[in-house]
């Protein structure tokens, strides 16, 4: 069963461009993963520091593998000082 994720990343003031670049790199690497159906980054038009990730995974195990992947862990570790919040907003099952 497909899993849809909507996640939000909010950068600290003055670091939005750095986070945007890092997220773009994350998107490229994530598109190489076996279980990804869709993985898109969006930037809020009203709040320059807010990014929304729209993700679709084949199954829950694919999402779990992504969250434990070297590139996702590197993104969170390397950018922890530039991120105000990283939050899973919705985890949805497609029926």
N, C-alpha and C. Protein backbone atom coordinates (compact mmCIF):
# COMPACT_ATOMS: atom_id res chain seq x y z
N UNK A 1 0.84 -1.18 0.00
CA UNK A 1 0.00 0.00 0.00
C UNK A 1 0.88 1.25 0.00
N UNK A 2 0.60 2.16 -0.92
CA UNK A 2 1.40 3.39 -1.00
C UNK A 2 1.22 4.27 0.24
N UNK A 3 2.31 4.92 0.60
CA UNK A 3 2.33 5.86 1.73
C UNK A 3 2.65 7.24 1.18
N UNK A 4 1.83 8.22 1.52
CA UNK A 4 2.07 9.61 1.14
C UNK A 4 2.50 10.38 2.37
N UNK A 5 3.55 11.16 2.20
CA UNK A 5 4.09 11.96 3.30
C UNK A 5 4.06 13.43 2.92
N UNK A 6 3.65 14.25 3.84
CA UNK A 6 3.80 15.69 3.72
C UNK A 6 4.61 16.13 4.93
N UNK A 7 5.80 16.64 4.65
CA UNK A 7 6.71 17.05 5.72
C UNK A 7 7.07 18.51 5.53
N UNK A 8 7.41 19.15 6.63
CA UNK A 8 7.76 20.57 6.60
C UNK A 8 9.16 20.77 7.18
N UNK A 9 9.96 21.55 6.47
CA UNK A 9 11.28 21.95 6.95
C UNK A 9 11.26 23.47 7.03
N UNK A 10 11.58 24.01 8.20
CA UNK A 10 11.65 25.46 8.37
C UNK A 10 13.09 25.81 8.70
N UNK A 11 13.68 26.65 7.87
CA UNK A 11 15.07 27.05 8.08
C UNK A 11 15.13 28.21 9.07
N UNK A 12 16.26 28.33 9.71
CA UNK A 12 16.50 29.48 10.58
C UNK A 12 16.67 30.72 9.70
N UNK A 13 16.37 31.86 10.26
CA UNK A 13 16.47 33.13 9.54
C UNK A 13 17.86 33.27 8.91
N UNK A 14 17.87 33.63 7.64
CA UNK A 14 19.13 33.85 6.94
C UNK A 14 19.77 32.61 6.36
N UNK A 15 19.15 31.44 6.53
CA UNK A 15 19.75 30.19 6.03
C UNK A 15 18.89 29.49 4.98
N UNK A 16 17.84 30.15 4.51
CA UNK A 16 16.89 29.50 3.59
C UNK A 16 17.56 29.03 2.30
N UNK A 17 18.44 29.83 1.74
CA UNK A 17 19.08 29.43 0.49
C UNK A 17 19.98 28.22 0.68
N UNK A 18 20.66 28.15 1.82
CA UNK A 18 21.50 26.99 2.13
C UNK A 18 20.64 25.74 2.26
N UNK A 19 19.51 25.85 2.95
CA UNK A 19 18.63 24.70 3.12
C UNK A 19 18.00 24.31 1.79
N UNK A 20 17.63 25.29 0.98
CA UNK A 20 17.08 24.97 -0.34
C UNK A 20 18.09 24.15 -1.15
N UNK A 21 19.33 24.56 -1.15
CA UNK A 21 20.37 23.84 -1.89
C UNK A 21 20.54 22.42 -1.35
N UNK A 22 20.57 22.29 -0.04
CA UNK A 22 20.73 20.97 0.58
C UNK A 22 19.52 20.08 0.28
N UNK A 23 18.32 20.65 0.29
CA UNK A 23 17.12 19.88 -0.04
C UNK A 23 17.13 19.44 -1.50
N UNK A 24 17.60 20.31 -2.39
CA UNK A 24 17.69 19.92 -3.80
C UNK A 24 18.62 18.73 -3.97
N UNK A 25 19.74 18.74 -3.24
CA UNK A 25 20.66 17.59 -3.29
C UNK A 25 19.99 16.34 -2.74
N UNK A 26 19.22 16.50 -1.65
CA UNK A 26 18.50 15.37 -1.06
C UNK A 26 17.49 14.80 -2.05
N UNK A 27 16.80 15.65 -2.77
CA UNK A 27 15.82 15.20 -3.76
C UNK A 27 16.52 14.35 -4.83
N UNK A 28 17.65 14.83 -5.32
CA UNK A 28 18.38 14.08 -6.35
C UNK A 28 18.74 12.68 -5.85
N UNK A 29 19.29 12.60 -4.66
CA UNK A 29 19.69 11.30 -4.10
C UNK A 29 18.48 10.41 -3.81
N UNK A 30 17.41 11.01 -3.32
CA UNK A 30 16.22 10.24 -2.97
C UNK A 30 15.56 9.65 -4.21
N UNK A 31 15.61 10.36 -5.33
CA UNK A 31 15.02 9.83 -6.56
C UNK A 31 15.72 8.55 -7.04
N UNK A 32 16.90 8.26 -6.51
CA UNK A 32 17.63 7.04 -6.85
C UNK A 32 17.17 5.85 -6.02
N UNK A 33 16.38 6.09 -4.98
CA UNK A 33 15.95 5.01 -4.10
C UNK A 33 14.93 4.12 -4.79
N UNK A 34 14.98 2.86 -4.47
CA UNK A 34 14.13 1.86 -5.11
C UNK A 34 12.63 2.10 -4.88
N UNK A 35 12.23 2.47 -3.68
CA UNK A 35 10.82 2.52 -3.36
C UNK A 35 10.13 3.86 -3.52
N UNK A 36 10.84 4.86 -4.03
CA UNK A 36 10.24 6.18 -4.17
C UNK A 36 9.38 6.24 -5.43
N UNK A 37 8.17 6.76 -5.27
CA UNK A 37 7.27 6.99 -6.40
C UNK A 37 7.33 8.46 -6.78
N UNK A 38 7.32 9.32 -5.77
CA UNK A 38 7.39 10.77 -5.98
C UNK A 38 8.05 11.39 -4.76
N UNK A 39 8.90 12.40 -5.01
CA UNK A 39 9.59 13.09 -3.92
C UNK A 39 9.89 14.50 -4.41
N UNK A 40 9.08 15.45 -3.98
CA UNK A 40 9.17 16.82 -4.49
C UNK A 40 9.34 17.82 -3.36
N UNK A 41 10.13 18.85 -3.65
CA UNK A 41 10.34 19.94 -2.71
C UNK A 41 9.56 21.16 -3.18
N UNK A 42 8.90 21.82 -2.26
CA UNK A 42 8.17 23.06 -2.55
C UNK A 42 8.62 24.12 -1.56
N UNK A 43 8.68 25.36 -2.01
CA UNK A 43 9.04 26.48 -1.13
C UNK A 43 7.82 27.38 -0.98
N UNK A 44 7.50 27.72 0.24
CA UNK A 44 6.33 28.54 0.55
C UNK A 44 6.47 29.92 -0.08
N UNK A 45 5.43 30.37 -0.76
CA UNK A 45 5.45 31.68 -1.41
C UNK A 45 5.31 32.85 -0.43
N UNK A 46 4.81 32.57 0.76
CA UNK A 46 4.61 33.64 1.74
C UNK A 46 5.64 33.63 2.86
N UNK A 47 6.27 32.49 3.08
CA UNK A 47 7.30 32.37 4.11
C UNK A 47 8.52 31.73 3.47
N UNK A 48 9.51 32.54 3.15
CA UNK A 48 10.70 32.11 2.44
C UNK A 48 11.48 31.02 3.18
N UNK A 49 11.28 30.88 4.48
CA UNK A 49 12.01 29.90 5.28
C UNK A 49 11.31 28.54 5.34
N UNK A 50 10.12 28.42 4.78
CA UNK A 50 9.35 27.18 4.89
C UNK A 50 9.41 26.38 3.59
N UNK A 51 9.75 25.10 3.74
CA UNK A 51 9.78 24.16 2.63
C UNK A 51 8.84 23.01 2.95
N UNK A 52 8.14 22.54 1.96
CA UNK A 52 7.23 21.41 2.14
C UNK A 52 7.66 20.30 1.19
N UNK A 53 7.81 19.13 1.76
CA UNK A 53 8.18 17.95 0.98
C UNK A 53 6.93 17.12 0.76
N UNK A 54 6.68 16.78 -0.50
CA UNK A 54 5.55 15.90 -0.86
C UNK A 54 6.16 14.61 -1.37
N UNK A 55 5.85 13.52 -0.68
CA UNK A 55 6.49 12.25 -0.97
C UNK A 55 5.45 11.14 -1.13
N UNK A 56 5.72 10.25 -2.06
CA UNK A 56 4.92 9.03 -2.18
C UNK A 56 5.90 7.86 -2.23
N UNK A 57 5.65 6.88 -1.37
CA UNK A 57 6.49 5.69 -1.26
C UNK A 57 5.64 4.46 -1.57
N UNK A 58 6.26 3.45 -2.18
CA UNK A 58 5.55 2.22 -2.53
C UNK A 58 4.93 1.56 -1.31
N UNK A 59 5.71 1.54 -0.23
CA UNK A 59 5.23 0.91 1.01
C UNK A 59 5.99 1.51 2.19
N UNK A 60 5.50 1.25 3.37
CA UNK A 60 6.06 1.82 4.61
C UNK A 60 7.54 1.47 4.77
N UNK A 61 7.91 0.26 4.39
CA UNK A 61 9.30 -0.17 4.53
C UNK A 61 10.25 0.68 3.67
N UNK A 62 9.76 1.14 2.52
CA UNK A 62 10.57 2.01 1.67
C UNK A 62 10.80 3.37 2.33
N UNK A 63 9.76 3.89 2.97
CA UNK A 63 9.90 5.15 3.71
C UNK A 63 10.89 4.97 4.85
N UNK A 64 10.77 3.86 5.58
CA UNK A 64 11.69 3.60 6.69
C UNK A 64 13.14 3.51 6.20
N UNK A 65 13.34 2.87 5.05
CA UNK A 65 14.69 2.77 4.48
C UNK A 65 15.21 4.16 4.13
N UNK A 66 14.34 5.02 3.60
CA UNK A 66 14.75 6.39 3.27
C UNK A 66 15.19 7.14 4.52
N UNK A 67 14.41 7.03 5.58
CA UNK A 67 14.73 7.75 6.81
C UNK A 67 16.04 7.28 7.43
N UNK A 68 16.46 6.07 7.08
CA UNK A 68 17.72 5.53 7.59
C UNK A 68 18.83 5.56 6.55
N UNK A 69 18.57 6.16 5.40
CA UNK A 69 19.56 6.20 4.32
C UNK A 69 20.71 7.14 4.68
N UNK A 70 21.89 6.88 4.16
CA UNK A 70 23.03 7.76 4.43
C UNK A 70 22.78 9.21 4.00
N UNK A 71 22.13 9.42 2.87
CA UNK A 71 21.93 10.81 2.41
C UNK A 71 20.90 11.56 3.24
N UNK A 72 19.87 10.87 3.76
CA UNK A 72 18.91 11.56 4.63
C UNK A 72 19.56 11.88 5.98
N UNK A 73 20.30 10.92 6.52
CA UNK A 73 20.99 11.16 7.79
C UNK A 73 22.02 12.28 7.65
N UNK A 74 22.72 12.31 6.52
CA UNK A 74 23.70 13.38 6.28
C UNK A 74 23.01 14.73 6.20
N UNK A 75 21.85 14.79 5.52
CA UNK A 75 21.11 16.05 5.43
C UNK A 75 20.77 16.57 6.82
N UNK A 76 20.21 15.72 7.66
CA UNK A 76 19.78 16.18 8.99
C UNK A 76 20.99 16.55 9.86
N UNK A 77 22.05 15.78 9.80
CA UNK A 77 23.23 16.05 10.62
C UNK A 77 23.96 17.31 10.17
N UNK A 78 24.20 17.42 8.87
CA UNK A 78 24.97 18.54 8.34
C UNK A 78 24.23 19.88 8.41
N UNK A 79 22.91 19.82 8.53
CA UNK A 79 22.12 21.05 8.50
C UNK A 79 21.38 21.35 9.80
N UNK A 80 21.68 20.61 10.86
CA UNK A 80 20.94 20.78 12.11
C UNK A 80 21.05 22.21 12.67
N UNK A 81 22.14 22.88 12.41
CA UNK A 81 22.30 24.25 12.91
C UNK A 81 21.56 25.29 12.07
N UNK A 82 21.05 24.87 10.93
CA UNK A 82 20.36 25.79 10.01
C UNK A 82 18.85 25.54 9.97
N UNK A 83 18.41 24.48 10.62
CA UNK A 83 16.99 24.10 10.59
C UNK A 83 16.32 24.48 11.90
N UNK A 84 15.22 25.22 11.79
CA UNK A 84 14.42 25.58 12.95
C UNK A 84 13.54 24.39 13.36
N UNK A 85 12.93 23.75 12.35
CA UNK A 85 12.11 22.58 12.63
C UNK A 85 12.04 21.69 11.40
N UNK A 86 11.91 20.41 11.65
CA UNK A 86 11.70 19.40 10.62
C UNK A 86 10.59 18.51 11.15
N UNK A 87 9.44 18.55 10.49
CA UNK A 87 8.27 17.89 11.06
C UNK A 87 7.50 17.11 10.01
N UNK A 88 7.10 15.91 10.38
CA UNK A 88 6.19 15.12 9.57
C UNK A 88 4.79 15.66 9.85
N UNK A 89 4.15 16.23 8.83
CA UNK A 89 2.82 16.81 9.02
C UNK A 89 1.74 15.75 8.85
N UNK A 90 1.83 14.98 7.76
CA UNK A 90 0.86 13.92 7.48
C UNK A 90 1.58 12.67 6.99
N UNK A 91 1.11 11.52 7.45
CA UNK A 91 1.49 10.22 6.88
C UNK A 91 0.17 9.57 6.50
N UNK A 92 -0.04 9.41 5.20
CA UNK A 92 -1.33 8.99 4.66
C UNK A 92 -1.20 7.68 3.89
N UNK A 93 -2.21 6.84 3.98
CA UNK A 93 -2.26 5.61 3.20
C UNK A 93 -3.23 5.80 2.04
N UNK A 94 -2.83 5.34 0.86
CA UNK A 94 -3.69 5.44 -0.31
C UNK A 94 -4.53 4.18 -0.42
N UNK A 95 -5.83 4.36 -0.60
CA UNK A 95 -6.74 3.23 -0.72
C UNK A 95 -7.39 3.22 -2.07
